[in-house]
Amino acid sequence: MAFFQYRAADHAGKIIEGVMEAEAERGVVSRLHELGFVPLRIAAPDEITRTKLQIPWALSFRKKVTQQQILHFTQELNALLGAGLPLDRNLSILANLAEKDFQQVVRLLLEGVRAGKSLAACMAEHPEVFPKLYVNMVRAGESGGILEGVLRHLVEYLERSLQLKEDIQSALTYPVLLVTASGLSLTILFIYVIPKFSLIFKDVNQALPWMAKILIDFSYGLSRYGWIALLLLIGGFFGGAFYLRNPEARLQWDRWRLNLWVLGDLLRKLEAARFARTLAALLKGGVPLLEALGTVQGVVGNRQVARAIGQVQSRVREGKGMVGPLAESGVFPDLALQMIAVGEETGRLEGMLANVADYYDQEVKRATKRLTSLLEPVLILGMGLVIGVVVISMLTAIFSINDLPF
């Protein structure tokens, strides 16, 4: 048995929160239904605490709404619609539940709906919160009268996307911490430790072993002129960011990234998973294929992939298939192309795209895990070698003092 924190609403729209003991989340859901409540959210208490402690990046004058908040909003709206409550009443309830940085957005949605606008039109007024994919799926759901089903597909899409993102971040956390610790350790070593030793050899510097002289000179240059190197790095970073604002430069950069050794294959799998997952979600939500391809092209981050999707859209408009232009782009793995071709031939494109996304999600996780498992010992060994060379060089210089002529 475990404890779960729940949030539910009664048929009058009143919000109830509490903690319930059950073997699994299903037990909490069943118990709440028996009590006449509509479950909005169920999670372990530590998950809710972790979500509340999450600090999103700042965006313009307010905090950016996180993907986790969008997911919770979609889950709760889907649950309330399933209970038969009207849309404006649902938004009123969710406005009271939302966190402060998201609350104002939901209130604006409520005002727009009460003024006679569609939910999709209201969401389109907040592109920094609701991406184009989200808005198009909601619009298709409203047009077909299947908004509840579309929201269910959106919940699945957001959950899978968020899970993949968290898995990759989790796998990269230790290598990033290791690189950071290594960089700080070496910086302290060269800026503070070695200069202390250099004072010992100040009068006999010319007779020192060559390795010790190189290290002392490098340490001296870093401590005296390191700020210039730092400014150059910062300037290079901002200069590169400004350069990549040019569409052609960004296209070349994205193409180069996809052709990188080892990392290129991982990026191709990741882009294949994102493309398939996004297109499958749009098609399941009732968005026509041409419109769905246009939406995917607009939300894809890699310009080379976006160009390939644009070619696919042109071919589909001419009545041709998707696989040809995707293969010509050289972006997507062969297995993904074969699976998409089978989906087109059998008329099961949505299901096959979902299979492609699931398969390459797992491939990305496995490849990331393999890469980090190889990277960790390389980083540890590299740091050990650098520190070992420094220590041996300093010890050799100290031991050589006895051989120096005075």
Protein backbone atom coordinates (compact mmCIF):
# COMPACT_ATOMS: atom_id res chain seq x y z
CA MET A 1 0.00 0.00 0.00
CA ALA A 2 1.14 3.54 -0.75
CA PHE A 3 -0.16 7.04 -0.14
CA PHE A 4 -1.35 9.18 -3.07
CA GLN A 5 -2.22 12.85 -3.06
CA TYR A 6 -5.31 13.60 -5.15
CA ARG A 7 -7.17 16.57 -6.51
CA ALA A 8 -10.80 16.10 -7.55
CA ALA A 9 -13.97 18.04 -8.28
CA ASP A 10 -17.58 17.32 -7.35
CA HIS A 11 -20.47 17.81 -9.77
CA ALA A 12 -20.90 21.38 -8.52
CA GLY A 13 -17.34 22.16 -9.50
CA LYS A 14 -15.95 22.40 -5.98
CA ILE A 15 -12.30 21.36 -5.69
CA ILE A 16 -11.30 18.78 -3.10
CA GLU A 17 -7.73 17.83 -2.23
CA GLY A 18 -6.41 15.16 0.09
CA VAL A 19 -4.33 12.03 0.58
CA MET A 20 -5.60 8.47 0.13
CA GLU A 21 -3.95 5.09 0.77
CA ALA A 22 -4.20 2.53 -2.03
CA GLU A 23 -2.20 -0.14 -3.83
CA ALA A 24 -2.07 1.85 -7.08
CA GLU A 25 -3.46 4.97 -8.73
CA ARG A 26 -6.39 2.95 -10.13
CA GLY A 27 -7.57 2.27 -6.60
CA VAL A 28 -7.67 6.00 -5.84
CA VAL A 29 -9.58 6.67 -9.09
CA SER A 30 -12.14 3.97 -8.31
CA ARG A 31 -12.63 5.22 -4.75
CA LEU A 32 -13.13 8.82 -5.90
CA HIS A 33 -15.68 7.70 -8.49
CA GLU A 34 -17.55 5.81 -5.78
CA LEU A 35 -17.64 8.99 -3.71
CA GLY A 36 -19.06 10.92 -6.67
CA PHE A 37 -15.93 12.94 -7.43
CA VAL A 38 -14.15 13.55 -10.74
CA PRO A 39 -10.39 12.82 -10.40
CA LEU A 40 -8.26 15.65 -11.78
CA ARG A 41 -4.81 14.62 -10.67
CA ILE A 42 -3.30 11.77 -8.69
CA ALA A 43 0.36 11.52 -7.79
CA ALA A 44 2.71 10.54 -5.03
CA PRO A 45 3.26 13.48 -2.61
CA ASP A 46 6.94 13.72 -3.53
CA GLU A 47 6.06 14.16 -7.22
CA ILE A 48 3.80 17.11 -6.43
CA THR A 49 6.45 18.65 -4.19
CA ARG A 50 9.05 18.23 -6.91
CA THR A 51 6.77 19.89 -9.46
CA LYS A 52 6.09 22.85 -7.19
CA LEU A 53 9.78 23.32 -6.53
CA GLN A 54 10.59 23.33 -10.22
CA ILE A 55 11.86 26.77 -11.27
CA PRO A 56 11.09 27.58 -14.92
CA TRP A 57 13.21 29.91 -17.03
CA ALA A 58 12.15 33.52 -17.22
CA LEU A 59 10.36 34.67 -20.34
CA SER A 60 9.89 38.38 -20.98
CA PHE A 61 8.04 39.85 -17.99
CA ARG A 62 6.78 36.57 -16.49
CA LYS A 63 7.93 33.08 -15.85
CA LYS A 64 7.62 30.68 -18.73
CA VAL A 65 4.87 28.09 -18.46
CA THR A 66 6.54 24.67 -18.34
CA GLN A 67 5.62 21.59 -20.34
CA GLN A 68 4.72 19.89 -17.06
CA GLN A 69 2.12 22.59 -16.34
CA ILE A 70 0.66 22.24 -19.85
CA LEU A 71 0.40 18.48 -19.28
CA HIS A 72 -1.42 18.93 -15.96
CA PHE A 73 -3.79 21.47 -17.53
CA THR A 74 -4.60 19.08 -20.39
CA GLN A 75 -5.14 16.12 -18.05
CA GLU A 76 -7.48 18.09 -15.80
CA LEU A 77 -9.42 19.65 -18.69
CA ASN A 78 -9.86 16.19 -20.24
CA ALA A 79 -11.13 14.80 -16.92
CA LEU A 80 -13.62 17.63 -16.44
CA LEU A 81 -14.94 17.36 -20.02
CA GLY A 82 -15.37 13.63 -19.47
CA ALA A 83 -17.53 14.41 -16.43
CA GLY A 84 -19.91 16.39 -18.65
CA LEU A 85 -19.18 19.88 -17.32
CA PRO A 86 -19.42 22.79 -19.82
CA LEU A 87 -16.17 24.24 -21.18
CA ASP A 88 -16.44 27.64 -19.52
CA ARG A 89 -17.12 26.02 -16.14
CA ASN A 90 -14.10 23.76 -16.64
CA LEU A 91 -11.84 26.70 -17.41
CA SER A 92 -13.16 28.56 -14.37
CA ILE A 93 -12.23 25.59 -12.17
CA LEU A 94 -8.79 25.25 -13.76
CA ALA A 95 -8.11 28.97 -13.39
CA ASN A 96 -8.45 28.54 -9.63
CA LEU A 97 -6.22 25.46 -9.67
CA ALA A 98 -3.44 26.79 -11.87
CA GLU A 99 -0.15 28.05 -10.50
CA LYS A 100 0.37 31.78 -10.43
CA ASP A 101 2.38 32.10 -13.66
CA PHE A 102 -0.22 30.04 -15.60
CA GLN A 103 -3.35 31.32 -13.88
CA GLN A 104 -3.55 34.55 -15.88
CA VAL A 105 -3.36 32.63 -19.16
CA VAL A 106 -6.24 30.34 -18.17
CA ARG A 107 -8.33 33.34 -17.09
CA LEU A 108 -7.76 34.92 -20.51
CA LEU A 109 -8.87 31.67 -22.15
CA LEU A 110 -12.04 31.76 -20.01
CA GLU A 111 -12.79 35.36 -21.00
CA GLY A 112 -12.31 34.53 -24.68
CA VAL A 113 -14.59 31.48 -24.55
CA ARG A 114 -17.31 33.43 -22.74
CA ALA A 115 -17.00 36.13 -25.42
CA GLY A 116 -17.88 33.54 -28.07
CA LYS A 117 -14.45 32.56 -29.35
CA SER A 118 -13.38 28.97 -29.86
CA LEU A 119 -10.91 27.47 -27.42
CA ALA A 120 -8.35 27.01 -30.20
CA ALA A 121 -8.64 30.68 -31.23
CA CYS A 122 -8.07 31.75 -27.63
CA MET A 123 -5.04 29.47 -27.31
CA ALA A 124 -3.60 30.78 -30.59
CA GLU A 125 -3.36 34.21 -28.93
CA HIS A 126 -0.75 32.76 -26.55
CA PRO A 127 1.86 31.08 -28.81
CA GLU A 128 4.48 31.32 -26.04
CA VAL A 129 2.33 28.92 -23.97
CA PHE A 130 0.43 26.74 -26.44
CA PRO A 131 2.50 25.54 -29.41
CA LYS A 132 1.09 25.40 -32.92
CA LEU A 133 0.69 21.63 -32.71
CA TYR A 134 -1.47 21.95 -29.58
CA VAL A 135 -3.67 24.66 -31.09
CA ASN A 136 -4.22 22.77 -34.37
CA MET A 137 -5.23 19.59 -32.55
CA VAL A 138 -7.69 21.47 -30.34
CA ARG A 139 -9.12 23.22 -33.41
CA ALA A 140 -9.61 19.87 -35.16
CA GLY A 141 -11.23 18.44 -32.04
CA GLU A 142 -13.66 21.34 -31.76
CA SER A 143 -14.54 21.17 -35.47
CA GLY A 144 -15.24 17.42 -35.29
CA GLY A 145 -16.94 17.49 -31.89
CA ILE A 146 -14.29 15.16 -30.45
CA LEU A 147 -12.42 17.56 -28.19
CA GLU A 148 -12.28 15.07 -25.32
CA GLY A 149 -10.66 12.42 -27.52
CA VAL A 150 -8.18 14.94 -28.93
CA LEU A 151 -7.19 16.02 -25.43
CA ARG A 152 -6.59 12.36 -24.57
CA HIS A 153 -4.21 12.07 -27.54
CA LEU A 154 -2.53 15.30 -26.46
CA VAL A 155 -2.01 13.94 -22.95
CA GLU A 156 -0.37 10.84 -24.40
CA TYR A 157 1.83 12.93 -26.69
CA LEU A 158 2.93 15.29 -23.92
CA GLU A 159 3.61 12.43 -21.50
CA ARG A 160 5.80 10.58 -24.02
CA SER A 161 7.67 13.74 -25.05
CA LEU A 162 8.28 14.77 -21.44
CA GLN A 163 9.39 11.28 -20.47
CA LEU A 164 11.93 11.14 -23.30
CA LYS A 165 13.25 14.59 -22.38
CA GLU A 166 13.62 13.63 -18.72
CA ASP A 167 15.35 10.34 -19.61
CA ILE A 168 17.93 12.15 -21.76
CA GLN A 169 18.50 14.83 -19.10
CA SER A 170 18.90 12.16 -16.43
CA ALA A 171 21.44 10.27 -18.52
CA LEU A 172 23.47 13.42 -19.18
CA THR A 173 23.40 14.78 -15.63
CA TYR A 174 26.41 12.84 -14.34
CA PRO A 175 28.70 13.56 -17.34
CA VAL A 176 27.83 17.27 -17.16
CA LEU A 177 28.59 17.37 -13.44
CA LEU A 178 31.82 15.49 -14.06
CA VAL A 179 32.94 17.89 -16.78
CA THR A 180 32.04 20.88 -14.59
CA ALA A 181 33.93 19.49 -11.59
CA SER A 182 36.92 18.64 -13.79
CA GLY A 183 37.01 22.11 -15.30
CA LEU A 184 36.81 23.82 -11.90
CA SER A 185 39.49 21.54 -10.45
CA LEU A 186 41.92 22.18 -13.30
CA THR A 187 41.21 25.93 -13.20
CA ILE A 188 42.02 26.07 -9.47
CA LEU A 189 45.10 23.91 -10.06
CA PHE A 190 46.54 26.17 -12.76
CA ILE A 191 45.52 29.52 -11.29
CA TYR A 192 46.20 29.01 -7.58
CA VAL A 193 48.22 25.84 -6.91
CA ILE A 194 50.95 25.87 -9.57
CA PRO A 195 51.81 29.59 -9.03
CA LYS A 196 52.61 28.71 -5.40
CA PHE A 197 55.11 26.14 -6.59
CA SER A 198 56.54 28.53 -9.17
CA LEU A 199 57.71 30.82 -6.35
CA ILE A 200 60.07 28.06 -5.23
CA PHE A 201 61.71 27.91 -8.67
CA LYS A 202 61.69 31.67 -9.33
CA ASP A 203 65.46 32.07 -9.20
CA VAL A 204 66.28 28.82 -11.04
CA ASN A 205 63.57 28.80 -13.72
CA GLN A 206 65.97 28.29 -16.65
CA ALA A 207 67.32 25.04 -15.24
CA LEU A 208 63.93 23.42 -14.60
CA PRO A 209 62.75 20.34 -16.56
CA TRP A 210 61.01 21.33 -19.78
CA MET A 211 57.61 19.95 -18.74
CA ALA A 212 57.64 21.91 -15.49
CA LYS A 213 58.60 25.10 -17.36
CA ILE A 214 55.73 24.62 -19.81
CA LEU A 215 53.23 24.13 -17.00
CA ILE A 216 54.51 27.12 -15.03
CA ASP A 217 54.45 29.36 -18.10
CA PHE A 218 50.95 28.19 -18.99
CA SER A 219 49.77 28.78 -15.42
CA TYR A 220 51.32 32.26 -15.44
CA GLY A 221 49.62 33.14 -18.72
CA LEU A 222 46.28 31.79 -17.53
CA SER A 223 46.39 33.70 -14.25
CA ARG A 224 47.45 36.95 -15.96
CA TYR A 225 45.51 36.81 -19.22
CA GLY A 226 42.76 34.30 -18.53
CA TRP A 227 40.16 37.07 -18.47
CA ILE A 228 41.02 37.84 -22.11
CA ALA A 229 40.40 34.20 -23.05
CA LEU A 230 37.12 34.30 -21.15
CA LEU A 231 36.02 37.43 -22.99
CA LEU A 232 36.95 35.83 -26.32
CA LEU A 233 34.90 32.76 -25.46
CA ILE A 234 31.89 34.86 -24.49
CA GLY A 235 32.27 36.98 -27.62
CA GLY A 236 32.58 33.85 -29.76
CA PHE A 237 29.43 32.41 -28.21
CA PHE A 238 27.32 35.51 -28.86
CA GLY A 239 28.90 35.97 -32.28
CA GLY A 240 28.02 32.40 -33.19
CA ALA A 241 24.46 32.85 -31.92
CA PHE A 242 24.10 36.01 -34.04
CA TYR A 243 25.55 34.22 -37.09
CA LEU A 244 23.09 31.33 -36.71
CA ARG A 245 20.18 33.77 -36.94
CA ASN A 246 20.84 33.72 -40.69
CA PRO A 247 18.61 30.97 -42.22
CA GLU A 248 21.33 29.62 -44.53
CA ALA A 249 23.90 29.54 -41.73
CA ARG A 250 21.42 27.73 -39.48
CA LEU A 251 20.69 25.22 -42.25
CA GLN A 252 24.40 24.47 -42.69
CA TRP A 253 24.84 24.14 -38.91
CA ASP A 254 21.90 21.73 -38.59
CA ARG A 255 23.14 19.69 -41.55
CA TRP A 256 26.62 19.49 -40.01
CA ARG A 257 25.17 18.32 -36.68
CA LEU A 258 23.30 15.47 -38.38
CA ASN A 259 26.55 14.30 -39.99
CA LEU A 260 28.63 14.28 -36.81
CA TRP A 261 30.42 11.07 -35.88
CA VAL A 262 28.46 9.08 -33.28
CA LEU A 263 26.31 12.07 -32.25
CA GLY A 264 24.89 12.45 -35.77
CA ASP A 265 23.27 9.02 -35.67
CA LEU A 266 21.78 9.78 -32.25
CA LEU A 267 20.36 13.10 -33.51
CA ARG A 268 18.83 11.38 -36.55
CA LYS A 269 17.04 8.88 -34.32
CA LEU A 270 15.85 11.67 -32.05
CA GLU A 271 14.50 13.69 -35.00
CA ALA A 272 12.80 10.58 -36.42
CA ALA A 273 11.09 9.95 -33.08
CA ARG A 274 9.93 13.57 -32.77
CA PHE A 275 8.66 13.72 -36.35
CA ALA A 276 6.74 10.45 -36.05
CA ARG A 277 5.32 11.24 -32.60
CA THR A 278 4.16 14.73 -33.60
CA LEU A 279 2.64 13.68 -36.93
CA ALA A 280 0.91 10.67 -35.34
CA ALA A 281 -0.61 12.87 -32.63
CA LEU A 282 -1.93 15.37 -35.20
CA LEU A 283 -3.43 12.66 -37.41
CA LYS A 284 -5.06 10.95 -34.41
CA GLY A 285 -6.49 14.33 -33.44
CA GLY A 286 -8.24 14.61 -36.79
CA VAL A 287 -5.92 17.12 -38.48
CA PRO A 288 -5.68 16.55 -42.26
CA LEU A 289 -2.34 15.20 -43.50
CA LEU A 290 -1.29 18.31 -45.45
CA GLU A 291 -2.11 20.62 -42.55
CA ALA A 292 -0.42 18.22 -40.13
CA LEU A 293 2.78 18.22 -42.19
CA GLY A 294 2.76 22.02 -42.24
CA THR A 295 2.39 22.09 -38.47
CA VAL A 296 5.21 19.58 -37.98
CA GLN A 297 7.45 21.64 -40.25
CA GLY A 298 6.74 24.72 -38.15
CA VAL A 299 7.55 23.09 -34.82
CA VAL A 300 10.64 21.10 -35.84
CA GLY A 301 13.85 22.70 -34.56
CA ASN A 302 16.30 21.28 -37.14
CA ARG A 303 16.18 23.26 -40.40
CA GLN A 304 17.41 20.32 -42.49
CA VAL A 305 14.55 18.19 -41.17
CA ALA A 306 12.09 21.04 -41.73
CA ARG A 307 13.23 21.33 -45.36
CA ALA A 308 12.70 17.59 -45.85
CA ILE A 309 9.18 17.83 -44.39
CA GLY A 310 8.43 20.76 -46.72
CA GLN A 311 9.38 18.56 -49.69
CA VAL A 312 7.13 15.82 -48.35
CA GLN A 313 4.25 18.29 -48.12
CA SER A 314 4.75 19.33 -51.76
CA ARG A 315 4.78 15.70 -52.94
CA VAL A 316 1.69 14.80 -50.91
CA ARG A 317 -0.13 17.78 -52.39
CA GLU A 318 0.68 16.32 -55.83
CA GLY A 319 -0.80 12.99 -54.76
CA LYS A 320 2.50 11.20 -54.18
CA GLY A 321 3.76 9.35 -51.11
CA MET A 322 5.85 10.52 -48.18
CA VAL A 323 8.70 8.03 -48.31
CA GLY A 324 10.41 9.28 -51.50
CA PRO A 325 11.23 12.84 -50.36
CA LEU A 326 12.04 11.62 -46.84
CA ALA A 327 14.58 9.18 -48.28
CA GLU A 328 16.06 11.85 -50.58
CA SER A 329 16.72 14.13 -47.61
CA GLY A 330 19.05 11.55 -46.06
CA VAL A 331 17.84 12.56 -42.60
CA PHE A 332 15.74 9.64 -41.44
CA PRO A 333 16.97 6.09 -40.72
CA ASP A 334 16.14 3.38 -43.29
CA LEU A 335 14.01 1.37 -40.87
CA ALA A 336 11.82 4.39 -40.17
CA LEU A 337 11.31 4.91 -43.90
CA GLN A 338 10.35 1.27 -44.42
CA MET A 339 7.84 1.38 -41.55
CA ILE A 340 6.27 4.59 -42.89
CA ALA A 341 6.04 3.01 -46.37
CA VAL A 342 4.21 0.00 -44.91
CA GLY A 343 1.86 2.33 -43.06
CA GLU A 344 1.01 4.19 -46.28
CA GLU A 345 0.45 0.97 -48.24
CA THR A 346 -1.81 -0.57 -45.61
CA GLY A 347 -3.71 2.61 -44.73
CA ARG A 348 -2.45 2.46 -41.13
CA LEU A 349 -0.15 5.47 -41.25
CA GLU A 350 -1.15 6.80 -37.80
CA GLY A 351 -0.47 3.51 -36.03
CA MET A 352 2.78 2.92 -37.88
CA LEU A 353 4.04 6.43 -37.07
CA ALA A 354 3.29 5.74 -33.41
CA ASN A 355 5.29 2.50 -33.68
CA VAL A 356 8.18 4.38 -35.28
CA ALA A 357 8.11 6.94 -32.46
CA ASP A 358 8.03 4.24 -29.76
CA TYR A 359 10.88 2.30 -31.37
CA TYR A 360 13.16 5.29 -31.81
CA ASP A 361 12.33 6.65 -28.36
CA GLN A 362 13.79 3.42 -26.99
CA GLU A 363 16.72 3.60 -29.42
CA VAL A 364 17.54 7.15 -28.27
CA LYS A 365 17.43 6.04 -24.62
CA ARG A 366 19.70 3.07 -25.30
CA ALA A 367 22.12 5.10 -27.44
CA THR A 368 22.29 7.87 -24.83
CA LYS A 369 22.97 5.33 -22.09
CA ARG A 370 25.72 3.68 -24.16
CA LEU A 371 27.29 7.04 -24.98
CA THR A 372 27.31 8.23 -21.37
CA SER A 373 28.65 4.88 -20.14
CA LEU A 374 31.60 5.33 -22.51
CA LEU A 375 32.00 9.03 -21.81
CA GLU A 376 32.23 8.75 -18.03
CA PRO A 377 35.43 6.61 -17.87
CA VAL A 378 37.01 8.69 -20.65
CA LEU A 379 36.40 11.89 -18.67
CA ILE A 380 37.69 10.35 -15.43
CA LEU A 381 40.77 8.97 -17.20
CA GLY A 382 41.44 12.28 -18.96
CA MET A 383 41.21 14.27 -15.76
CA GLY A 384 43.42 11.74 -13.97
CA LEU A 385 46.06 11.95 -16.72
CA VAL A 386 46.13 15.77 -16.65
CA ILE A 387 46.43 15.91 -12.87
CA GLY A 388 48.99 13.09 -12.94
CA VAL A 389 51.16 14.96 -15.46
CA VAL A 390 50.98 18.12 -13.36
CA VAL A 391 51.90 16.31 -10.13
CA ILE A 392 54.76 14.35 -11.72
CA SER A 393 56.12 17.48 -13.40
CA MET A 394 56.11 19.43 -10.14
CA LEU A 395 57.68 16.55 -8.19
CA THR A 396 60.36 16.12 -10.87
CA ALA A 397 61.14 19.83 -10.65
CA ILE A 398 61.38 19.66 -6.84
CA PHE A 399 63.67 16.62 -6.94
CA SER A 400 65.87 18.32 -9.56
CA ILE A 401 66.68 21.20 -7.21
CA ASN A 402 69.50 19.16 -5.67
CA ASP A 403 71.16 18.91 -9.10
CA LEU A 404 71.03 22.63 -9.81
CA PRO A 405 74.30 24.62 -9.64
CA PHE A 406 74.27 27.37 -7.00
